[in-house]
Structures are given as C-alpha cells and as structure tokens.
Amino acid sequence: MNERMQLFMELHDIEKRGITLWLEGMPSTSLGITNAVFVNEETAYMRDYIYDEGVLKEVRFDRVSNH
C-alpha cells in the first residue's frame, strides 16, 4: 500500500469513529486532507491531536512555514 492510501485509510478510520478532521482551521475530510498533503508535496503539514478529558476529539492539520 502506498503512503497516500495509508494516510487516507488512517484518517478515514479516525473519521468513522466520530473524530473531526481539520485542515488549516476549517472542517475537512479524510479525502480532503489526503489530497492537500499529496498535491502540495512541497508543503509540510503538522498534526495536532486535540483531547478532551483524555478522549481524542479532533485531528488538525496545519501548514508548517519554512520562514
């Protein structure tokens, strides 16, 4: 399985568990984030895992600036 499919499957599983996905501060989907990460290969994204009382509630992807 290639990296793109692995990321999609991972995020799709998270999404199915009711955990919201965010891309650059906006609600997104597993497909939307996978496309953003692999279409913009020169851009790096950082993941933030947001927990509420020990339960994962959100996964946020934000662009990392090289400046």
Foldseek 3Di string as FASTA:
>chain_A
DDPLVVQLVVQQVVVVVVAWEEEQRHTDGSVVVSCVCVVPVVWDWDWDFDDDPNHTRYIYIYTDDPD
